[in-house]
């Protein structure tokens, strides 16, 4: 129940009680029944007039006063008095309001069907314009947000729609703001809740992402192999320049095979014998 409704009901009850009290006094004096009932009826009529003239405007709203159908004033929060029968009150909510944007089907720039939904946050900054320039500002901005969402989504590709949601939200809010200001409204923001694409397209996008990850893994492995080959070539050059380094490497390899539980047979051949054999082969050829 609105505060003004409670005050109006209280005034009506007090007026009727006051009339009833006067009727009791008249009844005690022996007045005829028509005269006794007159104060109650008078109190009821006075109560109706008082109830229709007293309005309480809450802290989060403003009241538009129309006198004989014409705009009279904008009343701030508090207790306000109207002229009964002549004045009409319209209450306008001034707090931030939300309007859900139902699921909208759109075709992106690259001909992909998508379903988008979200929510819009707005508030009234001009109570007079919101009450007089549009029939129902809540329904108007809700339908405007739906149409704008479809229009903006149709101008973007699917990749832009999925990866640039902040840009999409700001563009929708900017397009709505121009029209909303003429209605006395201010758009605080728009948030997209979900962007749905067909299941077949989801599978294709999943395969594409998997291929991209596999490609990156192959490139990383090839780069590692290249770096390992360069390191091995550099190590081979170092060992070739120092025969002692090759012998140490050979001994380390043999030592590493010792603790392993295997049937490997290692025949150690001195490097001098190998070098002498190589020299003999070169001399013979």
C-alpha atoms as a PDB file:
ATOM      1  CA  UNK A   1       0.000   0.000   0.000  1.00  0.00           C
ATOM      2  CA  UNK A   2       1.277   3.469  -0.894  1.00  0.00           C
ATOM      3  CA  UNK A   3       1.845   5.947   1.991  1.00  0.00           C
ATOM      4  CA  UNK A   4      -0.716   8.327   0.473  1.00  0.00           C
ATOM      5  CA  UNK A   5      -3.302   5.530   0.435  1.00  0.00           C
ATOM      6  CA  UNK A   6      -2.772   4.890   4.139  1.00  0.00           C
ATOM      7  CA  UNK A   7      -3.083   8.617   4.950  1.00  0.00           C
ATOM      8  CA  UNK A   8      -6.239   8.914   2.803  1.00  0.00           C
ATOM      9  CA  UNK A   9      -7.803   5.928   4.538  1.00  0.00           C
ATOM     10  CA  UNK A  10      -6.939   7.414   7.946  1.00  0.00           C
ATOM     11  CA  UNK A  11      -8.540  10.752   7.039  1.00  0.00           C
ATOM     12  CA  UNK A  12     -11.679   8.999   5.782  1.00  0.00           C
ATOM     13  CA  UNK A  13     -11.978   6.974   8.982  1.00  0.00           C
ATOM     14  CA  UNK A  14     -11.441  10.035  11.192  1.00  0.00           C
ATOM     15  CA  UNK A  15     -14.068  12.003   9.269  1.00  0.00           C
ATOM     16  CA  UNK A  16     -16.609   9.209   9.578  1.00  0.00           C
ATOM     17  CA  UNK A  17     -15.825   8.819  13.303  1.00  0.00           C
ATOM     18  CA  UNK A  18     -16.232  12.557  13.830  1.00  0.00           C
ATOM     19  CA  UNK A  19     -19.595  12.460  12.060  1.00  0.00           C
ATOM     20  CA  UNK A  20     -20.619   9.441  14.127  1.00  0.00           C
ATOM     21  CA  UNK A  21     -19.724  11.311  17.314  1.00  0.00           C
ATOM     22  CA  UNK A  22     -21.915  14.248  16.327  1.00  0.00           C
ATOM     23  CA  UNK A  23     -24.730  11.821  15.491  1.00  0.00           C
ATOM     24  CA  UNK A  24     -24.475  10.268  18.965  1.00  0.00           C
ATOM     25  CA  UNK A  25     -24.791  13.727  20.552  1.00  0.00           C
ATOM     26  CA  UNK A  26     -27.831  14.503  18.396  1.00  0.00           C
ATOM     27  CA  UNK A  27     -29.355  11.153  19.280  1.00  0.00           C
ATOM     28  CA  UNK A  28     -28.889  11.923  22.982  1.00  0.00           C
ATOM     29  CA  UNK A  29     -30.784  15.196  22.550  1.00  0.00           C
ATOM     30  CA  UNK A  30     -33.725  13.352  20.958  1.00  0.00           C
ATOM     31  CA  UNK A  31     -33.225  14.572  17.361  1.00  0.00           C
ATOM     32  CA  UNK A  32     -35.171  12.762  14.623  1.00  0.00           C
ATOM     33  CA  UNK A  33     -33.397   9.931  12.733  1.00  0.00           C
ATOM     34  CA  UNK A  34     -32.813  11.899   9.445  1.00  0.00           C
ATOM     35  CA  UNK A  35     -30.956  14.602  11.350  1.00  0.00           C
ATOM     36  CA  UNK A  36     -29.002  12.010  13.343  1.00  0.00           C
ATOM     37  CA  UNK A  37     -27.783  10.306  10.131  1.00  0.00           C
ATOM     38  CA  UNK A  38     -26.823  13.603   8.472  1.00  0.00           C
ATOM     39  CA  UNK A  39     -23.471  14.113  10.334  1.00  0.00           C
ATOM     40  CA  UNK A  40     -22.300  10.595   9.405  1.00  0.00           C
ATOM     41  CA  UNK A  41     -23.052  11.187   5.729  1.00  0.00           C
ATOM     42  CA  UNK A  42     -21.443  14.615   5.882  1.00  0.00           C
ATOM     43  CA  UNK A  43     -18.338  13.184   7.549  1.00  0.00           C
ATOM     44  CA  UNK A  44     -18.097  10.484   4.886  1.00  0.00           C
ATOM     45  CA  UNK A  45     -18.275  13.042   2.048  1.00  0.00           C
ATOM     46  CA  UNK A  46     -15.731  15.314   3.729  1.00  0.00           C
ATOM     47  CA  UNK A  47     -13.481  12.306   4.294  1.00  0.00           C
ATOM     48  CA  UNK A  48     -13.650  11.391   0.603  1.00  0.00           C
ATOM     49  CA  UNK A  49     -12.645  14.916  -0.405  1.00  0.00           C
ATOM     50  CA  UNK A  50      -9.764  14.981   2.074  1.00  0.00           C
ATOM     51  CA  UNK A  51      -8.607  11.517   1.041  1.00  0.00           C
ATOM     52  CA  UNK A  52      -8.517  12.518  -2.631  1.00  0.00           C
ATOM     53  CA  UNK A  53      -6.692  15.785  -1.913  1.00  0.00           C
ATOM     54  CA  UNK A  54      -3.842  14.436   0.267  1.00  0.00           C
ATOM     55  CA  UNK A  55      -0.934  12.689  -1.471  1.00  0.00           C
ATOM     56  CA  UNK A  56       2.348  11.469  -0.011  1.00  0.00           C
ATOM     57  CA  UNK A  57       5.289  11.467  -2.441  1.00  0.00           C
ATOM     58  CA  UNK A  58       8.000   8.969  -1.449  1.00  0.00           C
ATOM     59  CA  UNK A  59      11.699   9.861  -1.397  1.00  0.00           C
ATOM     60  CA  UNK A  60      12.422   7.818  -4.559  1.00  0.00           C
ATOM     61  CA  UNK A  61       9.729   9.310  -6.762  1.00  0.00           C
ATOM     62  CA  UNK A  62       8.177  12.525  -8.041  1.00  0.00           C
ATOM     63  CA  UNK A  63       4.556  13.434  -8.689  1.00  0.00           C
ATOM     64  CA  UNK A  64       3.230  15.050 -11.857  1.00  0.00           C
ATOM     65  CA  UNK A  65       0.168  17.224 -11.190  1.00  0.00           C
ATOM     66  CA  UNK A  66      -2.359  17.656 -13.999  1.00  0.00           C
ATOM     67  CA  UNK A  67      -5.106  20.256 -13.534  1.00  0.00           C
ATOM     68  CA  UNK A  68      -8.091  19.657 -15.785  1.00  0.00           C
ATOM     69  CA  UNK A  69      -5.830  17.545 -18.012  1.00  0.00           C
ATOM     70  CA  UNK A  70      -3.103  20.180 -18.396  1.00  0.00           C
ATOM     71  CA  UNK A  71       0.354  20.001 -16.849  1.00  0.00           C
ATOM     72  CA  UNK A  72       0.509  22.003 -13.621  1.00  0.00           C
ATOM     73  CA  UNK A  73       3.717  21.169 -11.714  1.00  0.00           C
ATOM     74  CA  UNK A  74       6.212  18.548 -10.584  1.00  0.00           C
ATOM     75  CA  UNK A  75       5.924  17.793  -6.853  1.00  0.00           C
ATOM     76  CA  UNK A  76       8.977  16.732  -4.840  1.00  0.00           C
ATOM     77  CA  UNK A  77       8.866  14.083  -2.070  1.00  0.00           C
ATOM     78  CA  UNK A  78       6.714  14.916   0.943  1.00  0.00           C
ATOM     79  CA  UNK A  79       3.067  15.609   1.831  1.00  0.00           C
ATOM     80  CA  UNK A  80       1.230  17.317  -1.022  1.00  0.00           C
ATOM     81  CA  UNK A  81      -2.334  18.671  -1.331  1.00  0.00           C
ATOM     82  CA  UNK A  82      -4.384  18.516  -4.514  1.00  0.00           C
ATOM     83  CA  UNK A  83      -7.639  20.116  -5.519  1.00  0.00           C
ATOM     84  CA  UNK A  84     -10.214  17.292  -5.373  1.00  0.00           C
ATOM     85  CA  UNK A  85     -11.772  16.222  -8.688  1.00  0.00           C
ATOM     86  CA  UNK A  86      -9.854  18.926 -10.596  1.00  0.00           C
ATOM     87  CA  UNK A  87      -6.260  17.693 -10.061  1.00  0.00           C
ATOM     88  CA  UNK A  88      -4.812  14.350 -11.168  1.00  0.00           C
ATOM     89  CA  UNK A  89      -1.574  12.834  -9.828  1.00  0.00           C
ATOM     90  CA  UNK A  90       0.927  10.722 -11.800  1.00  0.00           C
ATOM     91  CA  UNK A  91       3.784   9.151  -9.817  1.00  0.00           C
ATOM     92  CA  UNK A  92       7.138   8.626 -11.566  1.00  0.00           C
ATOM     93  CA  UNK A  93       9.829   6.268 -10.266  1.00  0.00           C
ATOM     94  CA  UNK A  94      13.248   7.988 -10.048  1.00  0.00           C
ATOM     95  CA  UNK A  95      15.391   5.041  -8.940  1.00  0.00           C
ATOM     96  CA  UNK A  96      17.539   2.924 -11.267  1.00  0.00           C
ATOM     97  CA  UNK A  97      15.327   0.365 -12.983  1.00  0.00           C
ATOM     98  CA  UNK A  98      16.101  -2.791 -14.929  1.00  0.00           C
ATOM     99  CA  UNK A  99      14.406  -4.205 -17.993  1.00  0.00           C
ATOM    100  CA  UNK A 100      15.327  -7.682 -19.255  1.00  0.00           C
ATOM    101  CA  UNK A 101      15.969  -7.925 -22.984  1.00  0.00           C
ATOM    102  CA  UNK A 102      14.355 -11.134 -24.195  1.00  0.00           C
ATOM    103  CA  UNK A 103      16.218 -13.495 -26.488  1.00  0.00           C
ATOM    104  CA  UNK A 104      16.686 -11.902 -29.889  1.00  0.00           C
ATOM    105  CA  UNK A 105      17.562 -13.801 -33.055  1.00  0.00           C
ATOM    106  CA  UNK A 106      19.976 -12.007 -35.377  1.00  0.00           C
ATOM    107  CA  UNK A 107      22.119 -12.764 -38.426  1.00  0.00           C
ATOM    108  CA  UNK A 108      25.720 -11.608 -38.105  1.00  0.00           C
ATOM    109  CA  UNK A 109      27.681  -9.926 -40.869  1.00  0.00           C
ATOM    110  CA  UNK A 110      29.169 -13.291 -41.890  1.00  0.00           C
ATOM    111  CA  UNK A 111      25.673 -14.886 -42.107  1.00  0.00           C
ATOM    112  CA  UNK A 112      25.736 -16.813 -38.831  1.00  0.00           C
ATOM    113  CA  UNK A 113      22.464 -17.045 -36.850  1.00  0.00           C
ATOM    114  CA  UNK A 114      22.862 -16.135 -33.168  1.00  0.00           C
ATOM    115  CA  UNK A 115      20.533 -15.694 -30.193  1.00  0.00           C
ATOM    116  CA  UNK A 116      21.405 -12.847 -27.806  1.00  0.00           C
ATOM    117  CA  UNK A 117      19.776 -11.670 -24.582  1.00  0.00           C
ATOM    118  CA  UNK A 118      20.700  -9.216 -21.853  1.00  0.00           C
ATOM    119  CA  UNK A 119      19.471  -6.581 -19.410  1.00  0.00           C
ATOM    120  CA  UNK A 120      19.327  -2.766 -19.555  1.00  0.00           C
ATOM    121  CA  UNK A 121      19.774  -0.410 -16.590  1.00  0.00           C
ATOM    122  CA  UNK A 122      18.149   3.019 -16.788  1.00  0.00           C
ATOM    123  CA  UNK A 123      16.587   5.759 -14.670  1.00  0.00           C
ATOM    124  CA  UNK A 124      14.295   8.746 -15.100  1.00  0.00           C
ATOM    125  CA  UNK A 125      16.058  12.123 -15.049  1.00  0.00           C
ATOM    126  CA  UNK A 126      13.148  14.246 -16.316  1.00  0.00           C
ATOM    127  CA  UNK A 127       9.858  13.231 -14.679  1.00  0.00           C
ATOM    128  CA  UNK A 128       7.768  15.568 -16.845  1.00  0.00           C
ATOM    129  CA  UNK A 129       9.100  14.149 -20.103  1.00  0.00           C
ATOM    130  CA  UNK A 130       8.782  10.546 -18.901  1.00  0.00           C
ATOM    131  CA  UNK A 131       5.139  11.089 -17.953  1.00  0.00           C
ATOM    132  CA  UNK A 132       3.975  13.261 -20.868  1.00  0.00           C
ATOM    133  CA  UNK A 133       6.114  12.429 -23.921  1.00  0.00           C
ATOM    134  CA  UNK A 134       5.745   8.647 -23.932  1.00  0.00           C
ATOM    135  CA  UNK A 135       2.818   6.458 -22.988  1.00  0.00           C
ATOM    136  CA  UNK A 136       4.822   3.847 -21.055  1.00  0.00           C
ATOM    137  CA  UNK A 137       8.529   4.622 -20.813  1.00  0.00           C
ATOM    138  CA  UNK A 138       9.381   1.164 -19.413  1.00  0.00           C
ATOM    139  CA  UNK A 139       7.828  -0.656 -22.361  1.00  0.00           C
ATOM    140  CA  UNK A 140       9.246   1.889 -24.810  1.00  0.00           C
ATOM    141  CA  UNK A 141      12.876   1.557 -23.727  1.00  0.00           C
ATOM    142  CA  UNK A 142      12.524  -2.226 -23.474  1.00  0.00           C
ATOM    143  CA  UNK A 143      11.350  -2.518 -27.079  1.00  0.00           C
ATOM    144  CA  UNK A 144      13.953   0.018 -28.227  1.00  0.00           C
ATOM    145  CA  UNK A 145      16.704  -2.063 -26.583  1.00  0.00           C
ATOM    146  CA  UNK A 146      15.475  -5.197 -28.351  1.00  0.00           C
ATOM    147  CA  UNK A 147      15.470  -3.562 -31.778  1.00  0.00           C
ATOM    148  CA  UNK A 148      18.864  -1.927 -31.227  1.00  0.00           C
ATOM    149  CA  UNK A 149      20.401  -5.204 -30.054  1.00  0.00           C
ATOM    150  CA  UNK A 150      19.311  -6.974 -33.235  1.00  0.00           C
ATOM    151  CA  UNK A 151      20.545  -4.103 -35.409  1.00  0.00           C
ATOM    152  CA  UNK A 152      24.002  -3.854 -33.804  1.00  0.00           C
ATOM    153  CA  UNK A 153      24.505  -7.629 -33.712  1.00  0.00           C
ATOM    154  CA  UNK A 154      23.735  -7.782 -37.437  1.00  0.00           C
ATOM    155  CA  UNK A 155      26.549  -5.327 -38.236  1.00  0.00           C
ATOM    156  CA  UNK A 156      29.273  -7.415 -36.555  1.00  0.00           C
ATOM    157  CA  UNK A 157      30.910 -10.707 -37.475  1.00  0.00           C
ATOM    158  CA  UNK A 158      30.664 -13.717 -35.181  1.00  0.00           C
ATOM    159  CA  UNK A 159      34.260 -13.343 -33.963  1.00  0.00           C
ATOM    160  CA  UNK A 160      33.670  -9.685 -33.107  1.00  0.00           C
ATOM    161  CA  UNK A 161      30.401 -10.555 -31.384  1.00  0.00           C
ATOM    162  CA  UNK A 162      32.040 -13.184 -29.175  1.00  0.00           C
ATOM    163  CA  UNK A 163      35.321 -11.424 -28.395  1.00  0.00           C
ATOM    164  CA  UNK A 164      34.220  -7.773 -28.133  1.00  0.00           C
ATOM    165  CA  UNK A 165      31.180  -7.867 -25.860  1.00  0.00           C
ATOM    166  CA  UNK A 166      32.192  -4.659 -24.079  1.00  0.00           C
ATOM    167  CA  UNK A 167      32.316  -2.839 -27.408  1.00  0.00           C
ATOM    168  CA  UNK A 168      28.907  -4.277 -28.343  1.00  0.00           C
ATOM    169  CA  UNK A 169      27.373  -3.212 -25.016  1.00  0.00           C
ATOM    170  CA  UNK A 170      28.722   0.337 -25.283  1.00  0.00           C
ATOM    171  CA  UNK A 171      27.524   0.685 -28.889  1.00  0.00           C
ATOM    172  CA  UNK A 172      24.006  -0.491 -27.986  1.00  0.00           C
ATOM    173  CA  UNK A 173      23.877   1.878 -25.005  1.00  0.00           C
ATOM    174  CA  UNK A 174      25.074   4.774 -27.179  1.00  0.00           C
ATOM    175  CA  UNK A 175      22.386   4.129 -29.791  1.00  0.00           C
ATOM    176  CA  UNK A 176      19.639   3.881 -27.168  1.00  0.00           C
ATOM    177  CA  UNK A 177      20.810   6.958 -25.253  1.00  0.00           C
ATOM    178  CA  UNK A 178      19.975   9.370 -28.092  1.00  0.00           C
ATOM    179  CA  UNK A 179      16.311   8.334 -28.206  1.00  0.00           C
ATOM    180  CA  UNK A 180      15.962   7.754 -24.460  1.00  0.00           C
ATOM    181  CA  UNK A 181      16.952  11.339 -23.619  1.00  0.00           C
ATOM    182  CA  UNK A 182      13.914  12.650 -25.489  1.00  0.00           C
ATOM    183  CA  UNK A 183      11.806  10.567 -23.092  1.00  0.00           C
ATOM    184  CA  UNK A 184      13.561  11.940 -20.014  1.00  0.00           C
ATOM    185  CA  UNK A 185      15.547   8.733 -19.441  1.00  0.00           C
ATOM    186  CA  UNK A 186      19.220   8.044 -18.874  1.00  0.00           C
ATOM    187  CA  UNK A 187      20.780   4.685 -19.802  1.00  0.00           C
ATOM    188  CA  UNK A 188      23.265   3.566 -17.131  1.00  0.00           C
ATOM    189  CA  UNK A 189      24.440   0.491 -18.992  1.00  0.00           C
ATOM    190  CA  UNK A 190      23.623  -2.690 -20.853  1.00  0.00           C
ATOM    191  CA  UNK A 191      24.921  -6.145 -20.004  1.00  0.00           C
ATOM    192  CA  UNK A 192      24.728  -9.104 -22.378  1.00  0.00           C
ATOM    193  CA  UNK A 193      23.908 -12.278 -20.479  1.00  0.00           C
ATOM    194  CA  UNK A 194      24.277 -14.929 -23.177  1.00  0.00           C
ATOM    195  CA  UNK A 195      25.219 -15.297 -26.849  1.00  0.00           C
ATOM    196  CA  UNK A 196      24.114 -18.644 -28.290  1.00  0.00           C
ATOM    197  CA  UNK A 197      25.263 -20.114 -31.615  1.00  0.00           C
ATOM    198  CA  UNK A 198      24.065 -23.303 -33.395  1.00  0.00           C
ATOM    199  CA  UNK A 199      25.412 -26.628 -32.114  1.00  0.00           C
ATOM    200  CA  UNK A 200      27.038 -27.474 -35.472  1.00  0.00           C
ATOM    201  CA  UNK A 201      28.945 -24.221 -35.367  1.00  0.00           C
ATOM    202  CA  UNK A 202      30.031 -24.912 -31.786  1.00  0.00           C
ATOM    203  CA  UNK A 203      31.535 -28.232 -32.895  1.00  0.00           C
ATOM    204  CA  UNK A 204      33.351 -26.558 -35.787  1.00  0.00           C
ATOM    205  CA  UNK A 205      34.716 -23.867 -33.487  1.00  0.00           C
ATOM    206  CA  UNK A 206      35.891 -26.571 -31.062  1.00  0.00           C
ATOM    207  CA  UNK A 207      37.711 -28.392 -33.872  1.00  0.00           C
ATOM    208  CA  UNK A 208      39.262 -25.136 -35.026  1.00  0.00           C
ATOM    209  CA  UNK A 209      40.502 -24.357 -31.514  1.00  0.00           C
ATOM    210  CA  UNK A 210      41.906 -27.877 -31.202  1.00  0.00           C
ATOM    211  CA  UNK A 211      43.734 -27.504 -34.518  1.00  0.00           C
ATOM    212  CA  UNK A 212      45.173 -24.173 -33.430  1.00  0.00           C
ATOM    213  CA  UNK A 213      46.477 -25.717 -30.200  1.00  0.00           C
ATOM    214  CA  UNK A 214      47.972 -28.666 -32.119  1.00  0.00           C
ATOM    215  CA  UNK A 215      49.665 -26.287 -34.541  1.00  0.00           C
ATOM    216  CA  UNK A 216      51.205 -24.299 -31.695  1.00  0.00           C
ATOM    217  CA  UNK A 217      52.396 -27.516 -30.021  1.00  0.00           C
ATOM    218  CA  UNK A 218      54.049 -28.699 -33.277  1.00  0.00           C
ATOM    219  CA  UNK A 219      55.773 -25.343 -33.758  1.00  0.00           C
ATOM    220  CA  UNK A 220      57.056 -25.358 -30.175  1.00  0.00           C
ATOM    221  CA  UNK A 221      58.363 -28.953 -30.529  1.00  0.00           C
ATOM    222  CA  UNK A 222      60.083 -28.147 -33.843  1.00  0.00           C
ATOM    223  CA  UNK A 223      61.716 -25.083 -32.300  1.00  0.00           C
ATOM    224  CA  UNK A 224      62.916 -27.241 -29.380  1.00  0.00           C
ATOM    225  CA  UNK A 225      64.359 -29.829 -31.767  1.00  0.00           C
ATOM    226  CA  UNK A 226      66.162 -27.091 -33.694  1.00  0.00           C
ATOM    227  CA  UNK A 227      67.701 -25.680 -30.521  1.00  0.00           C
ATOM    228  CA  UNK A 228      68.707 -29.199 -29.361  1.00  0.00           C
ATOM    229  CA  UNK A 229      70.345 -29.957 -32.724  1.00  0.00           C
ATOM    230  CA  UNK A 230      72.303 -26.697 -32.566  1.00  0.00           C
ATOM    231  CA  UNK A 231      73.458 -27.522 -29.037  1.00  0.00           C
ATOM    232  CA  UNK A 232      74.477 -31.046 -30.052  1.00  0.00           C
ATOM    233  CA  UNK A 233      76.430 -29.730 -33.065  1.00  0.00           C
ATOM    234  CA  UNK A 234      78.259 -27.263 -30.817  1.00  0.00           C
ATOM    235  CA  UNK A 235      79.038 -30.032 -28.312  1.00  0.00           C
ATOM    236  CA  UNK A 236      80.331 -32.290 -31.104  1.00  0.00           C
ATOM    237  CA  UNK A 237      82.671 -29.565 -32.318  1.00  0.00           C
ATOM    238  CA  UNK A 238      83.995 -29.071 -28.790  1.00  0.00           C
ATOM    239  CA  UNK A 239      84.589 -32.803 -28.280  1.00  0.00           C
ATOM    240  CA  UNK A 240      86.242 -33.147 -31.687  1.00  0.00           C
ATOM    241  CA  UNK A 241      88.699 -30.416 -30.781  1.00  0.00           C
ATOM    242  CA  UNK A 242      89.581 -32.117 -27.465  1.00  0.00           C
ATOM    243  CA  UNK A 243      90.075 -35.925 -27.542  1.00  0.00           C
ATOM    244  CA  UNK A 244      90.104 -36.035 -23.743  1.00  0.00           C
ATOM    245  CA  UNK A 245      86.571 -34.625 -23.630  1.00  0.00           C
ATOM    246  CA  UNK A 246      85.371 -37.473 -25.852  1.00  0.00           C
ATOM    247  CA  UNK A 247      86.981 -40.038 -23.555  1.00  0.00           C
ATOM    248  CA  UNK A 248      85.320 -38.458 -20.500  1.00  0.00           C
ATOM    249  CA  UNK A 249      81.952 -38.526 -22.237  1.00  0.00           C
ATOM    250  CA  UNK A 250      82.454 -42.191 -23.101  1.00  0.00           C
ATOM    251  CA  UNK A 251      83.328 -43.066 -19.521  1.00  0.00           C
ATOM    252  CA  UNK A 252      80.252 -41.154 -18.260  1.00  0.00           C
ATOM    253  CA  UNK A 253      78.037 -43.121 -20.632  1.00  0.00           C
ATOM    254  CA  UNK A 254      79.482 -46.439 -19.449  1.00  0.00           C
ATOM    255  CA  UNK A 255      79.066 -45.372 -15.829  1.00  0.00           C
ATOM    256  CA  UNK A 256      75.426 -44.490 -16.480  1.00  0.00           C
ATOM    257  CA  UNK A 257      74.719 -47.974 -17.854  1.00  0.00           C
ATOM    258  CA  UNK A 258      76.136 -49.672 -14.758  1.00  0.00           C
ATOM    259  CA  UNK A 259      73.261 -49.233 -12.247  1.00  0.00           C
ATOM    260  CA  UNK A 260      70.541 -50.096 -14.791  1.00  0.00           C
ATOM    261  CA  UNK A 261      69.112 -53.635 -14.675  1.00  0.00           C
ATOM    262  CA  UNK A 262      69.771 -54.588 -18.297  1.00  0.00           C
ATOM    263  CA  UNK A 263      71.662 -57.214 -20.306  1.00  0.00           C
ATOM    264  CA  UNK A 264      73.673 -54.641 -22.230  1.00  0.00           C
ATOM    265  CA  UNK A 265      77.208 -55.718 -23.059  1.00  0.00           C
ATOM    266  CA  UNK A 266      79.692 -52.902 -23.491  1.00  0.00           C
ATOM    267  CA  UNK A 267      82.988 -53.495 -25.321  1.00  0.00           C
ATOM    268  CA  UNK A 268      85.322 -50.648 -24.462  1.00  0.00           C
ATOM    269  CA  UNK A 269      87.768 -49.868 -27.244  1.00  0.00           C
ATOM    270  CA  UNK A 270      90.447 -47.245 -26.681  1.00  0.00           C
ATOM    271  CA  UNK A 271      90.073 -44.164 -28.883  1.00  0.00           C
ATOM    272  CA  UNK A 272      93.738 -44.409 -29.923  1.00  0.00           C
ATOM    273  CA  UNK A 273      92.983 -47.683 -31.701  1.00  0.00           C
ATOM    274  CA  UNK A 274      90.045 -46.059 -33.521  1.00  0.00           C
ATOM    275  CA  UNK A 275      92.237 -43.102 -34.529  1.00  0.00           C
ATOM    276  CA  UNK A 276      94.998 -45.444 -35.759  1.00  0.00           C
ATOM    277  CA  UNK A 277      92.444 -47.404 -37.799  1.00  0.00           C
ATOM    278  CA  UNK A 278      91.126 -44.202 -39.345  1.00  0.00           C
ATOM    279  CA  UNK A 279      94.680 -43.079 -40.242  1.00  0.00           C
ATOM    280  CA  UNK A 280      95.374 -46.463 -41.842  1.00  0.00           C
ATOM    281  CA  UNK A 281      92.178 -46.226 -43.911  1.00  0.00           C
ATOM    282  CA  UNK A 282      93.045 -42.728 -45.119  1.00  0.00           C
ATOM    283  CA  UNK A 283      96.580 -43.814 -46.009  1.00  0.00           C
ATOM    284  CA  UNK A 284      95.369 -46.873 -47.902  1.00  0.00           C
ATOM    285  CA  UNK A 285      92.816 -44.891 -49.885  1.00  0.00           C
END
